[in-house]
Amino acid sequence: MAADRIITGFDGSAPGRAAAHWAAREAVREGLPLDVLRAGSREPRRGREEPAAEAEADGLRARFPGLEVRVVHAPEDPVVALAAASERAALLVLGSRGLGSLRGFLTGSVSQRVLGAAHCPVVLVRARAGTRSEEPAREPVREPVREPRGVTAGLDLAHPCDPVLDFAFRTTARRREPLTVVHAWGPPAGTEYLHFGSIGGQEKQQAADARRALDEALAPWREHHPEVPVSTEVLMGHAGITLVDAAAGTGLLVIGARRHRNPVGAHLGPVAHAVIHHAPCPLAVVPLH
């Protein structure tokens, strides 16, 4: 089935509404229809009180004239329904419970399990602090937290990263905004026991090698998308911490996620796990198969 639409999971909460609004704006940019998916529910009976998902869709149509919005009710468990929906989606957008004491996403079990099973990129969006979970359905859809401009992509050059770059460049081109590509590298193994003066040369060489590898990875994408202004950052440090810090000044952070399978199902690697829990901006997670 062709991936010809954007799908947002909707549960009536403030994060769900923020995700629906973000998804609607992205659908307008891409020229795609939007499905508002209410999982764990059947088609409601018509009555005097309009169901929340239908009311939300009406608000999106009013806010984004011309956008095709469809409400889909799926009786399955939310994880099952969202994972199945990702097979027909160009993009799946989910709400996050927001920032907590760890200054990051408090991603629920549903989101984490969907990230481990999705067939398409998934974007996590958090609601603005103080937004109520139940708002009058007929009010104009409120904006999520105001986003800085630009897209930032985090690359792990030790693994294939073309899916991340493809998503990042296409998204940035549609937005007509700058793209920043970040790569974090660690010091040479075993050098933690050596004097700084004896390892300075090794670190300098490793930094140069990392920058050269990053430039080589970006070269074909820069050629294919000359309209996208690109800057790069090669930083020494833990990848998770580096990407969380980079997320503070960007409108969208893009990372790749390799899935690790065990008897209880698929889960994400430690860097992706750290970023999805602590990134303070909308986060796109691109599956790496």
Protein backbone atom coordinates (compact mmCIF):
# COMPACT_ATOMS: atom_id res chain seq x y z
CA MET A 1 0.00 0.00 0.00
CA ALA A 2 1.33 3.42 -0.95
CA ALA A 3 2.47 5.70 1.88
CA ASP A 4 0.33 8.60 0.72
CA ARG A 5 -0.82 10.30 3.92
CA ILE A 6 0.23 11.61 7.31
CA ILE A 7 -1.36 9.88 10.29
CA THR A 8 -1.59 11.28 13.81
CA GLY A 9 -2.60 9.25 16.82
CA PHE A 10 -5.31 11.06 18.80
CA ASP A 11 -6.48 10.32 22.34
CA GLY A 12 -8.15 13.59 23.33
CA SER A 13 -5.24 14.74 25.50
CA ALA A 14 -3.29 18.00 25.23
CA PRO A 15 -0.26 16.17 23.74
CA GLY A 16 -2.60 14.48 21.27
CA ARG A 17 -3.99 17.83 20.17
CA ALA A 18 -0.49 19.32 19.85
CA ALA A 19 0.53 16.34 17.71
CA ALA A 20 -2.57 16.73 15.52
CA HIS A 21 -1.82 20.40 14.93
CA TRP A 22 1.84 19.69 14.11
CA ALA A 23 0.79 16.89 11.75
CA ALA A 24 -1.71 19.18 10.00
CA ARG A 25 0.95 21.80 9.31
CA GLU A 26 3.28 19.13 7.95
CA ALA A 27 0.49 17.69 5.77
CA VAL A 28 -0.04 21.14 4.26
CA ARG A 29 3.70 21.43 3.55
CA GLU A 30 3.79 18.01 1.88
CA GLY A 31 0.46 18.32 0.09
CA LEU A 32 -0.81 15.10 1.69
CA PRO A 33 -4.11 14.22 3.38
CA LEU A 34 -4.23 13.78 7.16
CA ASP A 35 -5.76 10.89 9.09
CA VAL A 36 -6.72 11.47 12.72
CA LEU A 37 -6.54 7.97 14.17
CA ARG A 38 -8.49 7.16 17.32
CA ALA A 39 -7.18 3.75 18.40
CA GLY A 40 -9.05 1.44 20.75
CA SER A 41 -12.43 2.77 19.61
CA ARG A 42 -15.18 1.93 17.17
CA GLU A 43 -17.07 4.26 14.87
CA PRO A 44 -19.17 6.32 17.29
CA ARG A 45 -22.91 6.63 17.08
CA ARG A 46 -24.15 10.04 16.08
CA GLY A 47 -25.74 11.95 18.91
CA ARG A 48 -26.10 15.39 20.36
CA GLU A 49 -22.49 15.46 21.55
CA GLU A 50 -19.87 15.25 18.80
CA PRO A 51 -17.00 12.82 19.59
CA ALA A 52 -13.63 14.41 20.38
CA ALA A 53 -11.81 13.12 17.28
CA GLU A 54 -14.50 14.45 14.93
CA ALA A 55 -14.47 17.81 16.71
CA GLU A 56 -10.68 17.94 16.46
CA ALA A 57 -10.84 17.21 12.74
CA ASP A 58 -13.38 20.00 12.27
CA GLY A 59 -11.03 22.40 14.06
CA LEU A 60 -8.13 21.40 11.82
CA ARG A 61 -10.20 21.87 8.67
CA ALA A 62 -11.14 25.35 9.86
CA ARG A 63 -7.54 26.22 10.72
CA PHE A 64 -6.07 24.78 7.51
CA PRO A 65 -8.55 25.42 4.66
CA GLY A 66 -8.13 22.94 1.84
CA LEU A 67 -6.49 20.26 3.99
CA GLU A 68 -8.18 16.88 3.60
CA VAL A 69 -8.76 15.51 7.11
CA ARG A 70 -10.26 12.11 7.78
CA VAL A 71 -11.12 10.53 11.15
CA VAL A 72 -10.30 6.84 11.44
CA HIS A 73 -11.51 4.69 14.34
CA ALA A 74 -9.59 1.47 15.00
CA PRO A 75 -10.86 -1.02 17.60
CA GLU A 76 -7.44 -2.59 18.11
CA ASP A 77 -4.99 -1.90 20.93
CA PRO A 78 -3.27 1.49 20.29
CA VAL A 79 0.15 -0.06 19.66
CA VAL A 80 -1.26 -2.59 17.20
CA ALA A 81 -3.39 0.03 15.44
CA LEU A 82 -0.60 2.62 15.17
CA ALA A 83 2.00 0.09 14.01
CA ALA A 84 -0.42 -1.13 11.32
CA ALA A 85 -1.20 2.46 10.31
CA SER A 86 2.52 3.16 9.85
CA GLU A 87 2.52 0.77 6.88
CA ARG A 88 0.35 3.18 4.89
CA ALA A 89 1.79 6.43 6.28
CA ALA A 90 4.50 8.69 4.98
CA LEU A 91 4.79 9.98 8.54
CA LEU A 92 3.28 9.00 11.90
CA VAL A 93 2.88 11.78 14.50
CA LEU A 94 2.36 11.06 18.21
CA GLY A 95 1.95 13.23 21.28
CA SER A 96 4.34 13.27 24.21
CA ARG A 97 3.41 13.86 27.83
CA GLY A 98 5.80 16.81 27.93
CA LEU A 99 8.84 17.93 29.85
CA GLY A 100 9.53 16.71 33.34
CA SER A 101 12.33 17.02 35.85
CA LEU A 102 14.66 15.31 33.39
CA ARG A 103 14.02 18.21 30.96
CA GLY A 104 12.82 15.90 28.24
CA PHE A 105 10.15 13.70 26.76
CA LEU A 106 8.36 11.54 29.28
CA THR A 107 7.50 9.14 26.54
CA GLY A 108 4.79 6.67 27.48
CA SER A 109 4.85 2.94 26.91
CA VAL A 110 2.61 3.22 23.84
CA SER A 111 4.98 5.64 22.10
CA GLN A 112 8.04 3.57 22.95
CA ARG A 113 6.46 0.37 21.66
CA VAL A 114 5.26 2.08 18.47
CA LEU A 115 8.76 3.44 17.86
CA GLY A 116 10.05 -0.10 18.06
CA ALA A 117 7.52 -1.38 15.50
CA ALA A 118 6.79 1.47 13.08
CA HIS A 119 7.46 1.08 9.37
CA CYS A 120 7.78 4.82 8.69
CA PRO A 121 9.38 7.83 10.41
CA VAL A 122 7.66 8.78 13.67
CA VAL A 123 7.54 12.32 15.07
CA LEU A 124 7.02 12.94 18.80
CA VAL A 125 5.46 16.28 19.71
CA ARG A 126 4.95 17.69 23.18
CA ALA A 127 2.21 20.05 24.34
CA ARG A 128 2.83 23.53 25.64
CA ALA A 129 3.32 23.63 29.41
CA GLY A 130 0.09 24.45 31.17
CA THR A 131 -2.21 23.34 28.34
CA ARG A 132 -5.24 21.55 29.71
CA SER A 133 -5.95 18.00 28.62
CA GLU A 134 -9.57 18.73 27.86
CA GLU A 135 -10.11 21.96 25.93
CA PRO A 136 -13.34 23.12 24.29
CA ALA A 137 -13.36 21.32 20.97
CA ARG A 138 -14.61 24.33 19.03
CA GLU A 139 -11.80 26.65 20.14
CA PRO A 140 -9.12 27.34 17.53
CA VAL A 141 -6.41 24.71 17.72
CA ARG A 142 -3.62 26.02 19.92
CA GLU A 143 -0.04 26.08 18.74
CA PRO A 144 2.44 23.71 20.41
CA VAL A 145 5.52 25.26 21.97
CA ARG A 146 6.89 27.88 19.56
CA GLU A 147 9.60 26.20 17.54
CA PRO A 148 12.94 27.71 16.58
CA ARG A 149 13.66 27.60 12.87
CA GLY A 150 15.74 24.93 11.24
CA VAL A 151 16.23 21.19 11.26
CA THR A 152 19.03 19.31 13.01
CA ALA A 153 20.03 15.76 12.06
CA GLY A 154 22.17 13.55 14.27
CA LEU A 155 24.35 11.04 12.41
CA ASP A 156 26.13 7.92 13.57
CA LEU A 157 28.78 7.48 10.89
CA ALA A 158 29.55 3.95 12.05
CA HIS A 159 26.26 2.80 10.51
CA PRO A 160 24.31 3.52 7.30
CA CYS A 161 22.68 6.93 7.60
CA ASP A 162 21.09 7.53 4.18
CA PRO A 163 17.50 7.17 5.50
CA VAL A 164 18.18 9.91 8.08
CA LEU A 165 19.76 12.21 5.51
CA ASP A 166 16.98 11.58 2.98
CA PHE A 167 14.32 12.51 5.55
CA ALA A 168 16.27 15.51 6.87
CA PHE A 169 17.07 17.02 3.46
CA ARG A 170 13.53 16.55 2.10
CA THR A 171 11.96 18.01 5.23
CA THR A 172 14.33 20.97 5.28
CA ALA A 173 13.76 21.66 1.59
CA ARG A 174 9.99 21.80 2.12
CA ARG A 175 10.41 24.19 5.04
CA ARG A 176 12.96 26.35 3.22
CA GLU A 177 15.03 26.45 6.39
CA PRO A 178 18.68 25.64 7.21
CA LEU A 179 19.88 22.16 8.07
CA THR A 180 22.51 21.41 10.72
CA VAL A 181 24.11 17.97 10.74
CA VAL A 182 25.72 16.87 14.01
CA HIS A 183 28.12 14.01 14.59
CA ALA A 184 29.51 13.15 18.02
CA TRP A 185 32.68 11.14 18.45
CA GLY A 186 34.47 9.73 21.47
CA PRO A 187 38.18 9.88 22.37
CA PRO A 188 40.43 6.99 21.34
CA ALA A 189 39.78 3.85 23.36
CA GLY A 190 42.06 3.46 26.37
CA THR A 191 43.27 7.06 26.38
CA GLU A 192 41.46 7.85 29.60
CA TYR A 193 44.55 6.58 31.44
CA LEU A 194 47.05 8.68 29.47
CA HIS A 195 48.34 12.19 30.06
CA PHE A 196 46.52 14.82 27.99
CA GLY A 197 49.74 15.86 26.25
CA SER A 198 50.27 12.35 24.92
CA ILE A 199 46.78 11.97 23.47
CA GLY A 200 46.23 15.46 22.06
CA GLY A 201 47.59 14.45 18.67
CA GLN A 202 45.38 11.35 18.55
CA GLU A 203 42.27 13.37 19.35
CA LYS A 204 43.11 15.98 16.75
CA GLN A 205 43.56 13.27 14.11
CA GLN A 206 40.34 11.52 15.14
CA ALA A 207 38.42 14.80 14.92
CA ALA A 208 39.83 15.41 11.43
CA ASP A 209 38.90 11.87 10.37
CA ALA A 210 35.36 12.33 11.70
CA ARG A 211 34.91 15.59 9.83
CA ARG A 212 36.21 14.07 6.61
CA ALA A 213 33.83 11.11 6.96
CA LEU A 214 30.92 13.47 7.62
CA ASP A 215 31.74 15.58 4.56
CA GLU A 216 31.91 12.45 2.41
CA ALA A 217 28.54 11.23 3.71
CA LEU A 218 26.93 14.59 2.98
CA ALA A 219 28.46 15.19 -0.46
CA PRO A 220 25.82 13.40 -2.60
CA TRP A 221 22.96 14.90 -0.59
CA ARG A 222 24.33 18.42 -0.93
CA GLU A 223 24.60 17.85 -4.67
CA HIS A 224 21.04 16.54 -4.87
CA HIS A 225 19.63 19.37 -2.73
CA PRO A 226 21.65 22.49 -3.61
CA GLU A 227 18.78 24.63 -2.35
CA VAL A 228 19.32 23.48 1.27
CA PRO A 229 21.84 25.50 3.29
CA VAL A 230 23.85 22.99 5.34
CA SER A 231 26.18 23.47 8.28
CA THR A 232 27.99 20.75 10.20
CA GLU A 233 29.16 20.19 13.76
CA VAL A 234 31.68 17.53 14.74
CA LEU A 235 31.79 17.36 18.52
CA MET A 236 33.62 15.18 20.99
CA GLY A 237 31.30 13.75 23.61
CA HIS A 238 28.53 11.29 24.35
CA ALA A 239 26.15 11.12 21.39
CA GLY A 240 22.97 11.21 23.48
CA ILE A 241 24.02 14.26 25.50
CA THR A 242 25.32 16.04 22.39
CA LEU A 243 22.04 15.55 20.52
CA VAL A 244 19.88 16.61 23.47
CA ASP A 245 21.94 19.80 23.73
CA ALA A 246 21.59 20.37 19.97
CA ALA A 247 17.82 19.94 20.22
CA ALA A 248 17.49 23.02 22.42
CA GLY A 249 17.98 25.37 19.48
CA THR A 250 16.22 23.64 16.59
CA GLY A 251 12.69 23.31 15.25
CA LEU A 252 13.00 19.58 14.57
CA LEU A 253 15.60 17.00 15.57
CA VAL A 254 16.03 13.98 13.29
CA ILE A 255 17.72 10.76 14.40
CA GLY A 256 17.95 7.22 13.14
CA ALA A 257 16.93 4.26 15.27
CA ARG A 258 18.23 0.74 14.96
CA ARG A 259 15.99 -1.85 16.52
CA HIS A 260 17.31 -4.53 18.83
CA ARG A 261 15.10 -7.57 19.11
CA ASN A 262 14.73 -9.81 22.12
CA PRO A 263 12.09 -12.32 23.32
CA VAL A 264 9.79 -9.52 24.56
CA GLY A 265 9.91 -7.49 21.33
CA ALA A 266 11.90 -4.77 19.62
CA HIS A 267 13.51 -1.90 21.49
CA LEU A 268 15.70 1.06 20.54
CA GLY A 269 19.40 1.54 21.19
CA PRO A 270 20.69 3.59 24.14
CA VAL A 271 21.36 6.81 22.20
CA ALA A 272 17.89 6.88 20.64
CA HIS A 273 16.36 5.94 23.99
CA ALA A 274 18.12 8.85 25.70
CA VAL A 275 17.17 11.37 23.03
CA ILE A 276 13.47 10.46 22.87
CA HIS A 277 13.22 10.92 26.63
CA HIS A 278 15.09 14.22 26.90
CA ALA A 279 14.81 16.17 23.63
CA PRO A 280 12.91 19.44 24.24
CA CYS A 281 11.73 19.88 20.63
CA PRO A 282 9.71 17.82 18.14
CA LEU A 283 11.70 14.68 17.38
CA ALA A 284 11.64 12.61 14.19
CA VAL A 285 12.78 9.01 14.61
CA VAL A 286 13.65 7.35 11.30
CA PRO A 287 13.75 3.52 11.33
CA LEU A 288 16.99 1.96 10.12
CA HIS A 289 16.25 -1.51 8.81
